[in-house]
Amino acid sequence: GLTVASLLAARDVPVLVVERKSTTSDEAKAISIDDESLRTFAASG
């Protein structure tokens, strides 16, 4: 959700993100990011 929000914002699209939890997760779920994901992160700075 945060990635797509950032990508949209980089293209001048206003975004509202809602999350039912009170803060970011404290659970270590995923543990691996690949190079394609990093390339996507780079697209939104």
PDB file of all heavy atoms in Angstrom:
ATOM      1  N   GLY A   1       0.805  -1.209   0.000  1.00  0.00           N
ATOM      2  CA  GLY A   1       0.000   0.000   0.000  1.00  0.00           C
ATOM      3  C   GLY A   1       0.841   1.262   0.000  1.00  0.00           C
ATOM      4  O   GLY A   1       0.543   2.222  -0.724  1.00  0.00           O
ATOM      5  N   LEU A   2       1.895   1.275   0.795  1.00  0.00           N
ATOM      6  CA  LEU A   2       2.765   2.450   0.846  1.00  0.00           C
ATOM      7  C   LEU A   2       3.529   2.635  -0.463  1.00  0.00           C
ATOM      8  O   LEU A   2       3.779   3.759  -0.898  1.00  0.00           O
ATOM      9  CB  LEU A   2       3.735   2.326   2.019  1.00  0.00           C
ATOM     10  CG  LEU A   2       3.072   2.350   3.410  1.00  0.00           C
ATOM     11  CD1 LEU A   2       4.084   1.976   4.488  1.00  0.00           C
ATOM     12  CD2 LEU A   2       2.475   3.734   3.698  1.00  0.00           C
ATOM     13  N   THR A   3       3.889   1.524  -1.105  1.00  0.00           N
ATOM     14  CA  THR A   3       4.607   1.626  -2.375  1.00  0.00           C
ATOM     15  C   THR A   3       3.716   2.200  -3.464  1.00  0.00           C
ATOM     16  O   THR A   3       4.118   3.114  -4.197  1.00  0.00           O
ATOM     17  CB  THR A   3       5.128   0.245  -2.816  1.00  0.00           C
ATOM     18  OG1 THR A   3       6.038  -0.250  -1.835  1.00  0.00           O
ATOM     19  CG2 THR A   3       5.847   0.341  -4.152  1.00  0.00           C
ATOM     20  N   VAL A   4       2.488   1.682  -3.592  1.00  0.00           N
ATOM     21  CA  VAL A   4       1.624   2.197  -4.645  1.00  0.00           C
ATOM     22  C   VAL A   4       1.232   3.640  -4.357  1.00  0.00           C
ATOM     23  O   VAL A   4       1.096   4.463  -5.281  1.00  0.00           O
ATOM     24  CB  VAL A   4       0.382   1.294  -4.834  1.00  0.00           C
ATOM     25  CG1 VAL A   4      -0.635   1.465  -3.712  1.00  0.00           C
ATOM     26  CG2 VAL A   4      -0.249   1.535  -6.196  1.00  0.00           C
ATOM     27  N   ALA A   5       1.088   4.001  -3.086  1.00  0.00           N
ATOM     28  CA  ALA A   5       0.795   5.390  -2.732  1.00  0.00           C
ATOM     29  C   ALA A   5       1.937   6.304  -3.159  1.00  0.00           C
ATOM     30  O   ALA A   5       1.720   7.393  -3.709  1.00  0.00           O
ATOM     31  CB  ALA A   5       0.551   5.513  -1.230  1.00  0.00           C
ATOM     32  N   SER A   6       3.166   5.865  -2.927  1.00  0.00           N
ATOM     33  CA  SER A   6       4.322   6.675  -3.302  1.00  0.00           C
ATOM     34  C   SER A   6       4.450   6.795  -4.815  1.00  0.00           C
ATOM     35  O   SER A   6       4.762   7.865  -5.349  1.00  0.00           O
ATOM     36  CB  SER A   6       5.594   6.050  -2.718  1.00  0.00           C
ATOM     37  OG  SER A   6       6.721   6.840  -3.011  1.00  0.00           O
ATOM     38  N   LEU A   7       4.193   5.692  -5.532  1.00  0.00           N
ATOM     39  CA  LEU A   7       4.262   5.734  -6.995  1.00  0.00           C
ATOM     40  C   LEU A   7       3.208   6.670  -7.569  1.00  0.00           C
ATOM     41  O   LEU A   7       3.472   7.417  -8.527  1.00  0.00           O
ATOM     42  CB  LEU A   7       4.083   4.328  -7.562  1.00  0.00           C
ATOM     43  CG  LEU A   7       5.238   3.349  -7.349  1.00  0.00           C
ATOM     44  CD1 LEU A   7       4.801   1.926  -7.699  1.00  0.00           C
ATOM     45  CD2 LEU A   7       6.455   3.749  -8.183  1.00  0.00           C
ATOM     46  N   LEU A   8       2.005   6.649  -7.005  1.00  0.00           N
ATOM     47  CA  LEU A   8       0.961   7.551  -7.473  1.00  0.00           C
ATOM     48  C   LEU A   8       1.313   9.002  -7.164  1.00  0.00           C
ATOM     49  O   LEU A   8       1.126   9.894  -8.004  1.00  0.00           O
ATOM     50  CB  LEU A   8      -0.376   7.178  -6.828  1.00  0.00           C
ATOM     51  CG  LEU A   8      -1.018   5.883  -7.325  1.00  0.00           C
ATOM     52  CD1 LEU A   8      -2.205   5.504  -6.438  1.00  0.00           C
ATOM     53  CD2 LEU A   8      -1.471   6.007  -8.775  1.00  0.00           C
ATOM     54  N   ALA A   9       1.821   9.245  -5.953  1.00  0.00           N
ATOM     55  CA  ALA A   9       2.194  10.608  -5.577  1.00  0.00           C
ATOM     56  C   ALA A   9       3.284  11.152  -6.491  1.00  0.00           C
ATOM     57  O   ALA A   9       3.291  12.343  -6.825  1.00  0.00           O
ATOM     58  CB  ALA A   9       2.662  10.633  -4.121  1.00  0.00           C
ATOM     59  N   ALA A  10       4.212  10.279  -6.904  1.00  0.00           N
ATOM     60  CA  ALA A  10       5.272  10.704  -7.815  1.00  0.00           C
ATOM     61  C   ALA A  10       4.702  11.128  -9.162  1.00  0.00           C
ATOM     62  O   ALA A  10       5.367  11.863  -9.914  1.00  0.00           O
ATOM     63  CB  ALA A  10       6.284   9.575  -8.000  1.00  0.00           C
ATOM     64  N   ARG A  11       3.473  10.680  -9.472  1.00  0.00           N
ATOM     65  CA  ARG A  11       2.807  11.054 -10.723  1.00  0.00           C
ATOM     66  C   ARG A  11       1.689  12.069 -10.467  1.00  0.00           C
ATOM     67  O   ARG A  11       0.749  12.181 -11.263  1.00  0.00           O
ATOM     68  CB  ARG A  11       2.273   9.797 -11.414  1.00  0.00           C
ATOM     69  CG  ARG A  11       3.387   8.859 -11.830  1.00  0.00           C
ATOM     70  CD  ARG A  11       2.862   7.556 -12.433  1.00  0.00           C
ATOM     71  NE  ARG A  11       3.987   6.715 -12.816  1.00  0.00           N
ATOM     72  CZ  ARG A  11       4.668   6.820 -13.947  1.00  0.00           C
ATOM     73  NH1 ARG A  11       4.307   7.740 -14.829  1.00  0.00           N
ATOM     74  NH2 ARG A  11       5.684   6.040 -14.217  1.00  0.00           N
ATOM     75  N   ASP A  12       1.808  12.768  -9.336  1.00  0.00           N
ATOM     76  CA  ASP A  12       0.904  13.877  -9.008  1.00  0.00           C
ATOM     77  C   ASP A  12      -0.543  13.440  -8.842  1.00  0.00           C
ATOM     78  O   ASP A  12      -1.476  14.163  -9.193  1.00  0.00           O
ATOM     79  CB  ASP A  12       0.992  14.989 -10.062  1.00  0.00           C
ATOM     80  CG  ASP A  12       2.368  15.618 -10.131  1.00  0.00           C
ATOM     81  OD1 ASP A  12       3.004  15.753  -9.070  1.00  0.00           O
ATOM     82  OD2 ASP A  12       2.823  15.950 -11.243  1.00  0.00           O
ATOM     83  N   VAL A  13      -0.742  12.250  -8.298  1.00  0.00           N
ATOM     84  CA  VAL A  13      -2.079  11.771  -7.962  1.00  0.00           C
ATOM     85  C   VAL A  13      -2.238  11.846  -6.450  1.00  0.00           C
ATOM     86  O   VAL A  13      -1.456  11.221  -5.717  1.00  0.00           O
ATOM     87  CB  VAL A  13      -2.297  10.323  -8.443  1.00  0.00           C
ATOM     88  CG1 VAL A  13      -3.675   9.816  -8.000  1.00  0.00           C
ATOM     89  CG2 VAL A  13      -2.145  10.219  -9.951  1.00  0.00           C
ATOM     90  N   PRO A  14      -3.206  12.581  -5.928  1.00  0.00           N
ATOM     91  CA  PRO A  14      -3.401  12.658  -4.480  1.00  0.00           C
ATOM     92  C   PRO A  14      -3.932  11.346  -3.921  1.00  0.00           C
ATOM     93  O   PRO A  14      -4.766  10.685  -4.553  1.00  0.00           O
ATOM     94  CB  PRO A  14      -4.410  13.797  -4.307  1.00  0.00           C
ATOM     95  CG  PRO A  14      -5.148  13.834  -5.604  1.00  0.00           C
ATOM     96  CD  PRO A  14      -4.170  13.420  -6.666  1.00  0.00           C
ATOM     97  N   VAL A  15      -3.458  10.974  -2.745  1.00  0.00           N
ATOM     98  CA  VAL A  15      -3.764   9.662  -2.181  1.00  0.00           C
ATOM     99  C   VAL A  15      -4.108   9.785  -0.703  1.00  0.00           C
ATOM    100  O   VAL A  15      -3.451  10.532   0.040  1.00  0.00           O
ATOM    101  CB  VAL A  15      -2.558   8.703  -2.341  1.00  0.00           C
ATOM    102  CG1 VAL A  15      -2.890   7.325  -1.762  1.00  0.00           C
ATOM    103  CG2 VAL A  15      -2.149   8.576  -3.798  1.00  0.00           C
ATOM    104  N   LEU A  16      -5.126   9.026  -0.279  1.00  0.00           N
ATOM    105  CA  LEU A  16      -5.425   8.831   1.141  1.00  0.00           C
ATOM    106  C   LEU A  16      -5.151   7.369   1.465  1.00  0.00           C
ATOM    107  O   LEU A  16      -5.712   6.473   0.825  1.00  0.00           O
ATOM    108  CB  LEU A  16      -6.890   9.159   1.444  1.00  0.00           C
ATOM    109  CG  LEU A  16      -7.411   8.732   2.829  1.00  0.00           C
ATOM    110  CD1 LEU A  16      -6.653   9.445   3.940  1.00  0.00           C
ATOM    111  CD2 LEU A  16      -8.916   8.971   2.935  1.00  0.00           C
ATOM    112  N   VAL A  17      -4.280   7.116   2.444  1.00  0.00           N
ATOM    113  CA  VAL A  17      -3.977   5.760   2.896  1.00  0.00           C
ATOM    114  C   VAL A  17      -4.620   5.563   4.257  1.00  0.00           C
ATOM    115  O   VAL A  17      -4.394   6.369   5.165  1.00  0.00           O
ATOM    116  CB  VAL A  17      -2.451   5.520   2.997  1.00  0.00           C
ATOM    117  CG1 VAL A  17      -2.162   4.079   3.428  1.00  0.00           C
ATOM    118  CG2 VAL A  17      -1.760   5.830   1.679  1.00  0.00           C
ATOM    119  N   VAL A  18      -5.419   4.502   4.413  1.00  0.00           N
ATOM    120  CA  VAL A  18      -6.007   4.206   5.720  1.00  0.00           C
ATOM    121  C   VAL A  18      -5.519   2.838   6.180  1.00  0.00           C
ATOM    122  O   VAL A  18      -5.348   1.918   5.386  1.00  0.00           O
ATOM    123  CB  VAL A  18      -7.552   4.242   5.683  1.00  0.00           C
ATOM    124  CG1 VAL A  18      -8.048   5.630   5.329  1.00  0.00           C
ATOM    125  CG2 VAL A  18      -8.126   3.202   4.728  1.00  0.00           C
ATOM    126  N   GLU A  19      -5.289   2.744   7.477  1.00  0.00           N
ATOM    127  CA  GLU A  19      -4.796   1.508   8.092  1.00  0.00           C
ATOM    128  C   GLU A  19      -5.508   1.323   9.416  1.00  0.00           C
ATOM    129  O   GLU A  19      -5.518   2.218  10.259  1.00  0.00           O
ATOM    130  CB  GLU A  19      -3.285   1.594   8.304  1.00  0.00           C
ATOM    131  CG  GLU A  19      -2.681   0.512   9.185  1.00  0.00           C
ATOM    132  CD  GLU A  19      -2.946  -0.892   8.664  1.00  0.00           C
ATOM    133  OE1 GLU A  19      -2.629  -1.161   7.502  1.00  0.00           O
ATOM    134  OE2 GLU A  19      -3.501  -1.709   9.445  1.00  0.00           O
ATOM    135  N   ARG A  20      -6.137   0.148   9.593  1.00  0.00           N
ATOM    136  CA  ARG A  20      -6.924  -0.076  10.802  1.00  0.00           C
ATOM    137  C   ARG A  20      -6.049  -0.167  12.048  1.00  0.00           C
ATOM    138  O   ARG A  20      -6.515   0.139  13.148  1.00  0.00           O
ATOM    139  CB  ARG A  20      -7.796  -1.318  10.655  1.00  0.00           C
ATOM    140  CG  ARG A  20      -7.046  -2.629  10.632  1.00  0.00           C
ATOM    141  CD  ARG A  20      -8.029  -3.811  10.496  1.00  0.00           C
ATOM    142  NE  ARG A  20      -9.170  -3.687  11.375  1.00  0.00           N
ATOM    143  CZ  ARG A  20      -9.159  -4.036  12.649  1.00  0.00           C
ATOM    144  NH1 ARG A  20      -8.056  -4.540  13.197  1.00  0.00           N
ATOM    145  NH2 ARG A  20     -10.235  -3.900  13.394  1.00  0.00           N
ATOM    146  N   LYS A  21      -4.799  -0.587  11.927  1.00  0.00           N
ATOM    147  CA  LYS A  21      -3.915  -0.631  13.087  1.00  0.00           C
ATOM    148  C   LYS A  21      -3.516   0.790  13.493  1.00  0.00           C
ATOM    149  O   LYS A  21      -3.580   1.717  12.689  1.00  0.00           O
ATOM    150  CB  LYS A  21      -2.668  -1.456  12.786  1.00  0.00           C
ATOM    151  CG  LYS A  21      -2.955  -2.934  12.519  1.00  0.00           C
ATOM    152  CD  LYS A  21      -1.676  -3.689  12.205  1.00  0.00           C
ATOM    153  CE  LYS A  21      -1.955  -5.159  11.916  1.00  0.00           C
ATOM    154  NZ  LYS A  21      -0.716  -5.901  11.549  1.00  0.00           N
ATOM    155  N   SER A  22      -3.085   0.923  14.729  1.00  0.00           N
ATOM    156  CA  SER A  22      -2.765   2.253  15.239  1.00  0.00           C
ATOM    157  C   SER A  22      -1.399   2.744  14.790  1.00  0.00           C
ATOM    158  O   SER A  22      -1.088   3.932  14.898  1.00  0.00           O
ATOM    159  CB  SER A  22      -2.826   2.256  16.775  1.00  0.00           C
ATOM    160  OG  SER A  22      -1.886   1.324  17.308  1.00  0.00           O
ATOM    161  N   THR A  23      -0.570   1.843  14.295  1.00  0.00           N
ATOM    162  CA  THR A  23       0.767   2.221  13.832  1.00  0.00           C
ATOM    163  C   THR A  23       1.254   1.149  12.865  1.00  0.00           C
ATOM    164  O   THR A  23       0.508   0.206  12.554  1.00  0.00           O
ATOM    165  CB  THR A  23       1.734   2.361  15.021  1.00  0.00           C
ATOM    166  OG1 THR A  23       3.001   2.832  14.543  1.00  0.00           O
ATOM    167  CG2 THR A  23       1.932   1.027  15.726  1.00  0.00           C
ATOM    168  N   THR A  24       2.469   1.296  12.388  1.00  0.00           N
ATOM    169  CA  THR A  24       3.005   0.283  11.490  1.00  0.00           C
ATOM    170  C   THR A  24       3.159  -1.043  12.227  1.00  0.00           C
ATOM    171  O   THR A  24       3.236  -1.096  13.455  1.00  0.00           O
ATOM    172  CB  THR A  24       4.365   0.716  10.929  1.00  0.00           C
ATOM    173  OG1 THR A  24       5.255   1.012  12.022  1.00  0.00           O
ATOM    174  CG2 THR A  24       4.240   1.934  10.045  1.00  0.00           C
ATOM    175  N   SER A  25       3.237  -2.110  11.458  1.00  0.00           N
ATOM    176  CA  SER A  25       3.278  -3.455  12.027  1.00  0.00           C
ATOM    177  C   SER A  25       4.592  -3.699  12.772  1.00  0.00           C
ATOM    178  O   SER A  25       5.652  -3.229  12.363  1.00  0.00           O
ATOM    179  CB  SER A  25       3.121  -4.496  10.920  1.00  0.00           C
ATOM    180  OG  SER A  25       3.284  -5.800  11.438  1.00  0.00           O
ATOM    181  N   ASP A  26       4.501  -4.441  13.898  1.00  0.00           N
ATOM    182  CA  ASP A  26       5.705  -4.854  14.605  1.00  0.00           C
ATOM    183  C   ASP A  26       6.025  -6.315  14.319  1.00  0.00           C
ATOM    184  O   ASP A  26       6.859  -6.926  14.979  1.00  0.00           O
ATOM    185  CB  ASP A  26       5.565  -4.632  16.117  1.00  0.00           C
ATOM    186  CG  ASP A  26       4.416  -5.448  16.712  1.00  0.00           C
ATOM    187  OD1 ASP A  26       3.667  -6.097  15.943  1.00  0.00           O
ATOM    188  OD2 ASP A  26       4.265  -5.431  17.947  1.00  0.00           O
ATOM    189  N   GLU A  27       5.333  -6.887  13.323  1.00  0.00           N
ATOM    190  CA  GLU A  27       5.543  -8.284  12.972  1.00  0.00           C
ATOM    191  C   GLU A  27       6.481  -8.390  11.773  1.00  0.00           C
ATOM    192  O   GLU A  27       6.254  -7.760  10.741  1.00  0.00           O
ATOM    193  CB  GLU A  27       4.211  -8.966  12.640  1.00  0.00           C
ATOM    194  CG  GLU A  27       3.261  -9.028  13.822  1.00  0.00           C
ATOM    195  CD  GLU A  27       1.992  -9.776  13.492  1.00  0.00           C
ATOM    196  OE1 GLU A  27       1.833 -10.182  12.318  1.00  0.00           O
ATOM    197  OE2 GLU A  27       1.171  -9.950  14.391  1.00  0.00           O
ATOM    198  N   ALA A  28       7.537  -9.178  11.944  1.00  0.00           N
ATOM    199  CA  ALA A  28       8.502  -9.361  10.858  1.00  0.00           C
ATOM    200  C   ALA A  28       7.996 -10.464   9.932  1.00  0.00           C
ATOM    201  O   ALA A  28       8.319 -11.638  10.103  1.00  0.00           O
ATOM    202  CB  ALA A  28       9.868  -9.711  11.421  1.00  0.00           C
ATOM    203  N   LYS A  29       7.184 -10.104   8.968  1.00  0.00           N
ATOM    204  CA  LYS A  29       6.584 -11.092   8.066  1.00  0.00           C
ATOM    205  C   LYS A  29       7.539 -11.372   6.912  1.00  0.00           C
ATOM    206  O   LYS A  29       8.305 -12.317   6.942  1.00  0.00           O
ATOM    207  CB  LYS A  29       5.240 -10.570   7.561  1.00  0.00           C
ATOM    208  CG  LYS A  29       4.252 -10.261   8.693  1.00  0.00           C
ATOM    209  CD  LYS A  29       3.039  -9.517   8.173  1.00  0.00           C
ATOM    210  CE  LYS A  29       2.129  -9.067   9.299  1.00  0.00           C
ATOM    211  NZ  LYS A  29       1.016  -8.222   8.827  1.00  0.00           N
ATOM    212  N   ALA A  30       7.488 -10.555   5.861  1.00  0.00           N
ATOM    213  CA  ALA A  30       8.406 -10.730   4.740  1.00  0.00           C
ATOM    214  C   ALA A  30       9.830 -10.361   5.165  1.00  0.00           C
ATOM    215  O   ALA A  30      10.038  -9.511   6.036  1.00  0.00           O
ATOM    216  CB  ALA A  30       7.969  -9.859   3.560  1.00  0.00           C
ATOM    217  N   ILE A  31      10.806 -10.998   4.536  1.00  0.00           N
ATOM    218  CA  ILE A  31      12.206 -10.721   4.896  1.00  0.00           C
ATOM    219  C   ILE A  31      13.116 -10.570   3.691  1.00  0.00           C
ATOM    220  O   ILE A  31      14.327 -10.435   3.853  1.00  0.00           O
ATOM    221  CB  ILE A  31      12.779 -11.829   5.820  1.00  0.00           C
ATOM    222  CG1 ILE A  31      12.655 -13.199   5.139  1.00  0.00           C
ATOM    223  CG2 ILE A  31      12.108 -11.814   7.178  1.00  0.00           C
ATOM    224  CD1 ILE A  31      13.339 -14.312   5.918  1.00  0.00           C
ATOM    225  N   SER A  32      12.564 -10.557   2.476  1.00  0.00           N
ATOM    226  CA  SER A  32      13.416 -10.504   1.294  1.00  0.00           C
ATOM    227  C   SER A  32      12.832  -9.571   0.241  1.00  0.00           C
ATOM    228  O   SER A  32      11.660  -9.669  -0.106  1.00  0.00           O
ATOM    229  CB  SER A  32      13.591 -11.908   0.700  1.00  0.00           C
ATOM    230  OG  SER A  32      14.397 -11.873  -0.457  1.00  0.00           O
ATOM    231  N   ILE A  33      13.669  -8.659  -0.239  1.00  0.00           N
ATOM    232  CA  ILE A  33      13.308  -7.757  -1.332  1.00  0.00           C
ATOM    233  C   ILE A  33      14.250  -8.043  -2.494  1.00  0.00           C
ATOM    234  O   ILE A  33      15.463  -8.127  -2.308  1.00  0.00           O
ATOM    235  CB  ILE A  33      13.457  -6.280  -0.923  1.00  0.00           C
ATOM    236  CG1 ILE A  33      12.480  -5.916   0.206  1.00  0.00           C
ATOM    237  CG2 ILE A  33      13.212  -5.357  -2.115  1.00  0.00           C
ATOM    238  CD1 ILE A  33      12.657  -4.506   0.710  1.00  0.00           C
ATOM    239  N   ASP A  34      13.695  -8.170  -3.706  1.00  0.00           N
ATOM    240  CA  ASP A  34      14.567  -8.442  -4.839  1.00  0.00           C
ATOM    241  C   ASP A  34      14.886  -7.167  -5.614  1.00  0.00           C
ATOM    242  O   ASP A  34      14.432  -6.068  -5.272  1.00  0.00           O
ATOM    243  CB  ASP A  34      13.979  -9.529  -5.738  1.00  0.00           C
ATOM    244  CG  ASP A  34      12.672  -9.127  -6.407  1.00  0.00           C
ATOM    245  OD1 ASP A  34      12.371  -7.916  -6.485  1.00  0.00           O
ATOM    246  OD2 ASP A  34      11.950 -10.020  -6.865  1.00  0.00           O
ATOM    247  N   ASP A  35      15.694  -7.325  -6.668  1.00  0.00           N
ATOM    248  CA  ASP A  35      16.162  -6.170  -7.424  1.00  0.00           C
ATOM    249  C   ASP A  35      15.044  -5.490  -8.201  1.00  0.00           C
ATOM    250  O   ASP A  35      15.074  -4.269  -8.400  1.00  0.00           O
ATOM    251  CB  ASP A  35      17.300  -6.573  -8.368  1.00  0.00           C
ATOM    252  CG  ASP A  35      16.960  -7.782  -9.233  1.00  0.00           C
ATOM    253  OD1 ASP A  35      15.927  -8.428  -8.993  1.00  0.00           O
ATOM    254  OD2 ASP A  35      17.758  -8.094 -10.142  1.00  0.00           O
ATOM    255  N   GLU A  36      14.044  -6.238  -8.633  1.00  0.00           N
ATOM    256  CA  GLU A  36      12.918  -5.621  -9.328  1.00  0.00           C
ATOM    257  C   GLU A  36      12.145  -4.703  -8.393  1.00  0.00           C
ATOM    258  O   GLU A  36      11.710  -3.615  -8.784  1.00  0.00           O
ATOM    259  CB  GLU A  36      12.012  -6.693  -9.915  1.00  0.00           C
ATOM    260  CG  GLU A  36      10.931  -6.145 -10.826  1.00  0.00           C
ATOM    261  CD  GLU A  36      10.122  -7.224 -11.513  1.00  0.00           C
ATOM    262  OE1 GLU A  36      10.413  -8.425 -11.300  1.00  0.00           O
ATOM    263  OE2 GLU A  36       9.194  -6.874 -12.260  1.00  0.00           O
ATOM    264  N   SER A  37      11.982  -5.126  -7.133  1.00  0.00           N
ATOM    265  CA  SER A  37      11.304  -4.265  -6.158  1.00  0.00           C
ATOM    266  C   SER A  37      12.105  -3.008  -5.881  1.00  0.00           C
ATOM    267  O   SER A  37      11.554  -1.901  -5.793  1.00  0.00           O
ATOM    268  CB  SER A  37      11.051  -5.036  -4.861  1.00  0.00           C
ATOM    269  OG  SER A  37      10.118  -6.078  -5.052  1.00  0.00           O
ATOM    270  N   LEU A  38      13.424  -3.144  -5.744  1.00  0.00           N
ATOM    271  CA  LEU A  38      14.259  -1.964  -5.521  1.00  0.00           C
ATOM    272  C   LEU A  38      14.178  -1.011  -6.704  1.00  0.00           C
ATOM    273  O   LEU A  38      14.190   0.213  -6.535  1.00  0.00           O
ATOM    274  CB  LEU A  38      15.706  -2.382  -5.266  1.00  0.00           C
ATOM    275  CG  LEU A  38      15.991  -3.002  -3.898  1.00  0.00           C
ATOM    276  CD1 LEU A  38      17.433  -3.479  -3.821  1.00  0.00           C
ATOM    277  CD2 LEU A  38      15.712  -2.005  -2.774  1.00  0.00           C
ATOM    278  N   ARG A  39      14.093  -1.554  -7.898  1.00  0.00           N
ATOM    279  CA  ARG A  39      13.947  -0.698  -9.086  1.00  0.00           C
ATOM    280  C   ARG A  39      12.631   0.068  -9.010  1.00  0.00           C
ATOM    281  O   ARG A  39      12.567   1.246  -9.389  1.00  0.00           O
ATOM    282  CB  ARG A  39      14.004  -1.566 -10.339  1.00  0.00           C
ATOM    283  CG  ARG A  39      14.086  -0.784 -11.640  1.00  0.00           C
ATOM    284  CD  ARG A  39      14.154  -1.724 -12.832  1.00  0.00           C
ATOM    285  NE  ARG A  39      14.492  -1.023 -14.053  1.00  0.00           N
ATOM    286  CZ  ARG A  39      14.604  -1.598 -15.238  1.00  0.00           C
ATOM    287  NH1 ARG A  39      14.397  -2.913 -15.353  1.00  0.00           N
ATOM    288  NH2 ARG A  39      14.904  -0.886 -16.310  1.00  0.00           N
ATOM    289  N   THR A  40      11.575  -0.588  -8.542  1.00  0.00           N
ATOM    290  CA  THR A  40      10.299   0.088  -8.374  1.00  0.00           C
ATOM    291  C   THR A  40      10.389   1.169  -7.302  1.00  0.00           C
ATOM    292  O   THR A  40       9.855   2.274  -7.478  1.00  0.00           O
ATOM    293  CB  THR A  40       9.208  -0.935  -8.000  1.00  0.00           C
ATOM    294  OG1 THR A  40       9.061  -1.875  -9.069  1.00  0.00           O
ATOM    295  CG2 THR A  40       7.876  -0.256  -7.746  1.00  0.00           C
ATOM    296  N   PHE A  41      11.044   0.876  -6.188  1.00  0.00           N
ATOM    297  CA  PHE A  41      11.229   1.907  -5.160  1.00  0.00           C
ATOM    298  C   PHE A  41      11.982   3.108  -5.730  1.00  0.00           C
ATOM    299  O   PHE A  41      11.680   4.257  -5.414  1.00  0.00           O
ATOM    300  CB  PHE A  41      11.991   1.338  -3.963  1.00  0.00           C
ATOM    301  CG  PHE A  41      11.169   0.429  -3.087  1.00  0.00           C
ATOM    302  CD1 PHE A  41      11.643  -0.826  -2.731  1.00  0.00           C
ATOM    303  CD2 PHE A  41       9.936   0.816  -2.613  1.00  0.00           C
ATOM    304  CE1 PHE A  41      10.896  -1.668  -1.926  1.00  0.00           C
ATOM    305  CE2 PHE A  41       9.172  -0.017  -1.806  1.00  0.00           C
ATOM    306  CZ  PHE A  41       9.656  -1.269  -1.469  1.00  0.00           C
ATOM    307  N   ALA A  42      12.967   2.838  -6.571  1.00  0.00           N
ATOM    308  CA  ALA A  42      13.729   3.933  -7.169  1.00  0.00           C
ATOM    309  C   ALA A  42      12.837   4.825  -8.023  1.00  0.00           C
ATOM    310  O   ALA A  42      13.051   6.041  -8.104  1.00  0.00           O
ATOM    311  CB  ALA A  42      14.879   3.374  -8.004  1.00  0.00           C
ATOM    312  N   ALA A  43      11.818   4.239  -8.664  1.00  0.00           N
ATOM    313  CA  ALA A  43      10.926   5.012  -9.523  1.00  0.00           C
ATOM    314  C   ALA A  43      10.159   6.070  -8.748  1.00  0.00           C
ATOM    315  O   ALA A  43       9.715   7.061  -9.325  1.00  0.00           O
ATOM    316  CB  ALA A  43       9.952   4.077 -10.239  1.00  0.00           C
ATOM    317  N   SER A  44       9.997   5.871  -7.440  1.00  0.00           N
ATOM    318  CA  SER A  44       9.301   6.873  -6.625  1.00  0.00           C
ATOM    319  C   SER A  44      10.242   7.548  -5.638  1.00  0.00           C
ATOM    320  O   SER A  44       9.797   8.184  -4.686  1.00  0.00           O
ATOM    321  CB  SER A  44       8.138   6.219  -5.862  1.00  0.00           C
ATOM    322  OG  SER A  44       8.612   5.218  -4.988  1.00  0.00           O
ATOM    323  N   GLY A  45      11.545   7.380  -5.853  1.00  0.00           N
ATOM    324  CA  GLY A  45      12.526   8.060  -5.007  1.00  0.00           C
ATOM    325  C   GLY A  45      12.759   7.425  -3.660  1.00  0.00           C
ATOM    326  O   GLY A  45      13.284   8.074  -2.751  1.00  0.00           O
TER     327      GLY A  45
END
